[in-house]
N, C-alpha and C. Protein backbone atom coordinates (compact mmCIF):
# COMPACT_ATOMS: atom_id res chain seq x y z
N MET A 1 -46.89 -77.47 51.80
CA MET A 1 -45.33 -78.25 51.86
C MET A 1 -44.67 -78.50 52.27
N HIS A 2 -44.76 -79.99 52.95
CA HIS A 2 -43.74 -80.40 53.37
C HIS A 2 -42.72 -81.64 52.92
N LEU A 3 -41.18 -81.21 52.60
CA LEU A 3 -40.14 -82.11 51.90
C LEU A 3 -39.37 -82.84 53.32
N ARG A 4 -39.39 -83.99 53.33
CA ARG A 4 -37.92 -84.30 54.41
C ARG A 4 -37.11 -85.87 53.30
N MET A 5 -35.93 -85.03 53.53
CA MET A 5 -34.76 -85.89 52.15
C MET A 5 -34.40 -86.67 53.56
N GLU A 6 -34.36 -87.67 52.81
CA GLU A 6 -34.02 -89.08 54.82
C GLU A 6 -32.78 -89.17 53.94
N GLU A 7 -31.78 -90.02 55.21
CA GLU A 7 -30.31 -89.61 54.61
C GLU A 7 -29.34 -90.08 53.69
N ASP A 8 -29.97 -91.37 53.11
CA ASP A 8 -29.65 -92.12 51.51
C ASP A 8 -29.62 -90.83 50.48
N GLU A 9 -31.56 -90.27 50.77
CA GLU A 9 -31.62 -89.57 49.68
C GLU A 9 -30.44 -88.79 49.96
N ALA A 10 -30.11 -87.81 50.59
CA ALA A 10 -29.67 -86.78 50.82
C ALA A 10 -27.76 -87.07 50.42
N ARG A 11 -27.38 -88.38 50.44
CA ARG A 11 -25.77 -89.23 49.80
C ARG A 11 -26.27 -89.22 49.22
N SER A 12 -26.92 -89.69 47.79
CA SER A 12 -27.37 -90.29 46.33
C SER A 12 -27.36 -88.80 45.49
N LEU A 13 -28.14 -87.11 45.75
CA LEU A 13 -27.89 -86.52 45.88
C LEU A 13 -25.93 -85.91 45.63
N LEU A 14 -25.16 -86.27 47.06
CA LEU A 14 -24.29 -85.86 46.91
C LEU A 14 -23.13 -85.92 46.41
N ALA A 15 -23.56 -87.68 46.22
CA ALA A 15 -22.75 -88.25 44.30
C ALA A 15 -23.04 -88.14 43.81
N VAL A 16 -24.14 -87.55 43.27
CA VAL A 16 -24.61 -86.69 41.72
C VAL A 16 -24.17 -85.94 41.77
N VAL A 17 -23.39 -84.29 42.69
CA VAL A 17 -23.03 -83.48 42.91
C VAL A 17 -21.55 -83.32 43.31
N THR A 18 -21.54 -84.28 43.41
CA THR A 18 -19.61 -84.61 43.96
C THR A 18 -19.03 -84.96 42.23
N SER A 19 -20.26 -86.20 41.65
CA SER A 19 -18.77 -86.81 40.78
C SER A 19 -19.27 -85.79 39.15
N TYR A 20 -20.68 -85.27 39.71
CA TYR A 20 -20.01 -84.00 38.39
C TYR A 20 -19.30 -82.88 38.40
N VAL A 21 -18.65 -82.59 39.32
CA VAL A 21 -16.98 -81.64 39.75
C VAL A 21 -16.59 -81.85 39.83
N VAL A 22 -16.25 -83.28 40.19
CA VAL A 22 -15.13 -83.89 39.36
C VAL A 22 -14.45 -84.60 38.32
N ASP A 23 -15.73 -84.98 37.46
CA ASP A 23 -15.91 -85.78 36.56
C ASP A 23 -15.91 -83.97 34.97
N ASN A 24 -16.32 -83.09 35.49
CA ASN A 24 -16.85 -82.13 34.44
C ASN A 24 -16.43 -80.94 34.61
N SER A 25 -15.92 -80.40 36.13
CA SER A 25 -15.59 -79.03 36.19
C SER A 25 -14.20 -78.76 35.74
N GLY A 26 -13.65 -79.15 35.86
CA GLY A 26 -12.31 -78.71 35.05
C GLY A 26 -10.74 -78.30 35.65
N VAL A 27 -11.35 -78.47 37.53
CA VAL A 27 -10.22 -77.77 38.60
C VAL A 27 -10.05 -79.28 38.73
N SER A 28 -8.19 -78.22 39.55
CA SER A 28 -6.67 -79.30 39.93
C SER A 28 -6.99 -80.88 40.38
N GLN A 29 -6.27 -81.61 40.20
CA GLN A 29 -6.07 -82.66 40.82
C GLN A 29 -6.27 -82.70 42.11
N ASP A 30 -6.28 -82.17 42.63
CA ASP A 30 -5.63 -81.79 44.14
C ASP A 30 -7.24 -81.19 44.93
N ALA A 31 -7.69 -79.97 44.31
CA ALA A 31 -8.92 -79.60 43.86
C ALA A 31 -9.68 -81.07 44.10
N LYS A 32 -9.63 -82.08 43.40
CA LYS A 32 -10.53 -83.00 42.91
C LYS A 32 -10.54 -83.99 44.10
N GLY A 33 -8.85 -84.18 44.81
CA GLY A 33 -9.14 -84.95 45.95
C GLY A 33 -9.77 -84.60 47.26
N ARG A 34 -9.61 -83.07 46.88
CA ARG A 34 -10.32 -82.93 47.86
C ARG A 34 -11.28 -83.04 47.73
N VAL A 35 -12.54 -82.83 46.59
CA VAL A 35 -14.14 -82.88 46.85
C VAL A 35 -14.09 -84.80 46.94
N ARG A 36 -13.15 -85.92 46.38
CA ARG A 36 -13.65 -86.75 47.38
C ARG A 36 -12.98 -87.59 47.85
N GLN A 37 -12.17 -86.29 49.03
CA GLN A 37 -11.82 -86.85 50.19
C GLN A 37 -13.46 -86.23 51.53
N TRP A 38 -13.68 -85.04 50.81
CA TRP A 38 -14.79 -84.75 51.33
C TRP A 38 -16.12 -85.38 51.16
N ARG A 39 -16.12 -85.57 50.45
CA ARG A 39 -16.98 -87.33 50.17
C ARG A 39 -16.50 -88.68 50.51
N THR A 40 -15.95 -89.15 50.40
CA THR A 40 -15.62 -89.92 52.04
C THR A 40 -15.33 -89.67 53.16
N ASP A 41 -15.38 -88.67 53.40
CA ASP A 41 -15.76 -88.05 55.22
C ASP A 41 -17.85 -87.68 55.73
N HIS A 42 -18.13 -88.19 54.52
CA HIS A 42 -19.59 -88.13 54.36
C HIS A 42 -20.47 -88.95 53.74
N ALA A 43 -19.25 -90.45 53.56
CA ALA A 43 -20.08 -91.35 54.24
C ALA A 43 -21.33 -91.60 54.84
N GLU A 44 -22.31 -92.70 54.26
CA GLU A 44 -23.53 -93.52 54.66
C GLU A 44 -23.53 -93.26 56.11
N GLY A 45 -24.38 -93.24 57.04
CA GLY A 45 -24.09 -93.87 58.44
C GLY A 45 -23.55 -92.49 59.35
N THR A 46 -22.48 -91.86 58.85
CA THR A 46 -21.58 -90.97 59.21
C THR A 46 -22.38 -89.98 59.57
N VAL A 47 -21.84 -88.95 60.96
CA VAL A 47 -22.01 -87.74 61.91
C VAL A 47 -22.34 -87.23 61.65
N LYS A 48 -21.60 -86.06 60.50
CA LYS A 48 -20.71 -85.59 59.01
C LYS A 48 -22.31 -85.53 57.94
N MET A 49 -22.51 -86.66 57.04
CA MET A 49 -23.43 -86.95 56.51
C MET A 49 -24.93 -86.38 57.48
N ALA A 50 -25.50 -87.45 58.86
CA ALA A 50 -26.48 -87.03 59.31
C ALA A 50 -27.40 -85.10 59.34
N ALA A 51 -25.81 -84.66 60.01
CA ALA A 51 -25.62 -83.10 59.95
C ALA A 51 -25.91 -82.67 58.31
N LEU A 52 -25.90 -83.14 57.52
CA LEU A 52 -25.80 -82.58 56.11
C LEU A 52 -27.45 -82.49 55.86
N ALA A 53 -27.77 -83.73 56.07
CA ALA A 53 -28.76 -84.36 55.83
C ALA A 53 -29.64 -83.32 56.56
N ASP A 54 -29.35 -83.08 57.69
CA ASP A 54 -30.60 -82.12 58.28
C ASP A 54 -30.66 -80.69 58.00
N GLY A 55 -29.43 -80.10 57.69
CA GLY A 55 -29.37 -78.84 57.38
C GLY A 55 -29.64 -78.89 55.78
N MET A 56 -29.68 -79.57 54.92
CA MET A 56 -30.83 -79.41 53.39
C MET A 56 -31.73 -79.08 54.18
N ASN A 57 -32.13 -80.49 54.50
CA ASN A 57 -33.52 -79.98 55.08
C ASN A 57 -34.21 -78.74 55.58
N GLU A 58 -33.66 -78.21 56.30
CA GLU A 58 -34.00 -76.82 56.99
C GLU A 58 -33.89 -75.92 55.62
N VAL A 59 -32.84 -75.80 54.66
CA VAL A 59 -32.20 -75.33 53.95
C VAL A 59 -33.91 -75.26 52.58
N ILE A 60 -34.22 -76.86 52.73
CA ILE A 60 -35.41 -76.68 51.52
C ILE A 60 -36.30 -76.16 51.82
N GLY A 61 -36.66 -76.53 53.43
CA GLY A 61 -37.91 -76.86 53.85
C GLY A 61 -37.96 -74.75 53.64
N ALA A 62 -36.41 -74.09 54.33
CA ALA A 62 -37.15 -72.85 54.12
C ALA A 62 -37.24 -72.41 53.00
N TYR A 63 -36.41 -72.84 51.86
CA TYR A 63 -37.10 -71.69 49.96
C TYR A 63 -38.41 -72.36 50.17
N ILE A 64 -38.86 -73.26 51.15
CA ILE A 64 -40.13 -73.68 49.97
C ILE A 64 -41.38 -73.15 51.01
N GLU A 65 -41.53 -72.54 51.86
CA GLU A 65 -41.92 -71.66 52.54
C GLU A 65 -41.82 -70.27 52.38
N ALA A 66 -40.28 -69.76 52.03
CA ALA A 66 -40.70 -68.51 51.92
C ALA A 66 -41.18 -69.17 49.76
N LYS A 67 -40.50 -69.43 49.17
CA LYS A 67 -41.13 -68.98 48.00
C LYS A 67 -43.02 -69.23 47.68
N THR A 68 -43.67 -70.42 48.70
CA THR A 68 -44.82 -70.69 48.76
C THR A 68 -45.46 -69.24 49.41
N ASP A 69 -45.07 -68.75 50.32
CA ASP A 69 -45.39 -67.56 51.01
C ASP A 69 -45.22 -66.50 49.80
N ARG A 70 -44.40 -66.23 48.66
CA ARG A 70 -43.80 -65.03 47.93
C ARG A 70 -45.63 -65.18 46.96
N GLN A 71 -45.98 -66.64 46.59
CA GLN A 71 -46.78 -67.16 45.82
C GLN A 71 -47.67 -66.50 46.46
N VAL A 72 -48.81 -66.65 47.48
CA VAL A 72 -49.87 -66.29 48.35
C VAL A 72 -49.58 -64.66 48.29
N ARG A 73 -48.69 -63.71 48.42
CA ARG A 73 -48.63 -62.89 48.44
C ARG A 73 -48.94 -62.44 46.81
N ARG A 74 -48.39 -62.33 46.46
CA ARG A 74 -48.73 -61.86 44.81
C ARG A 74 -49.74 -61.93 44.67
N ARG A 75 -50.49 -63.07 44.84
CA ARG A 75 -52.63 -62.83 44.42
C ARG A 75 -52.76 -62.29 45.04
N GLY A 76 -52.45 -61.51 46.45
CA GLY A 76 -53.19 -60.81 47.05
C GLY A 76 -55.02 -61.46 47.37
N ARG A 77 -55.26 -62.29 47.24
CA ARG A 77 -56.16 -63.10 48.41
C ARG A 77 -56.25 -62.91 49.51
N TYR A 78 -54.63 -63.66 49.89
CA TYR A 78 -55.26 -63.68 51.27
C TYR A 78 -53.89 -63.72 52.54
N GLU A 79 -54.01 -63.43 53.55
CA GLU A 79 -52.74 -63.26 54.44
C GLU A 79 -51.94 -63.93 55.26
N ARG A 80 -51.04 -63.50 55.19
CA ARG A 80 -49.87 -64.50 56.61
C ARG A 80 -50.31 -64.30 56.91
N THR A 81 -50.54 -66.68 57.50
CA THR A 81 -51.13 -66.69 59.20
C THR A 81 -49.98 -66.83 60.24
N ARG A 82 -48.74 -67.49 59.91
CA ARG A 82 -48.36 -67.97 60.56
C ARG A 82 -47.14 -67.22 60.56
N SER A 83 -46.77 -67.36 62.07
CA SER A 83 -45.69 -65.86 62.71
C SER A 83 -44.48 -66.03 62.36
N LYS A 84 -43.79 -65.06 61.97
CA LYS A 84 -42.70 -65.19 61.77
C LYS A 84 -41.10 -65.89 62.82
N LYS A 85 -40.88 -66.57 62.61
CA LYS A 85 -39.94 -67.57 63.31
C LYS A 85 -38.54 -65.98 64.15
């Protein structure tokens, strides 16, 4: 399975998570301000947002690959064919 988040999709996920932190976490006003600033620094079209989207894709891809490998090994019917990186 291959999953690739585009930058705007990663930005949408970022908005949901940071909004939840700001609204529901009970952190100080200073911490909320820092989260808001971090979100502003990662605005759509910035280099930081592009790097974040790439990082998210890398981590999600590694997670999916690891989970798939565990499921295949658990069933015991197949051997891993990909070489480790």
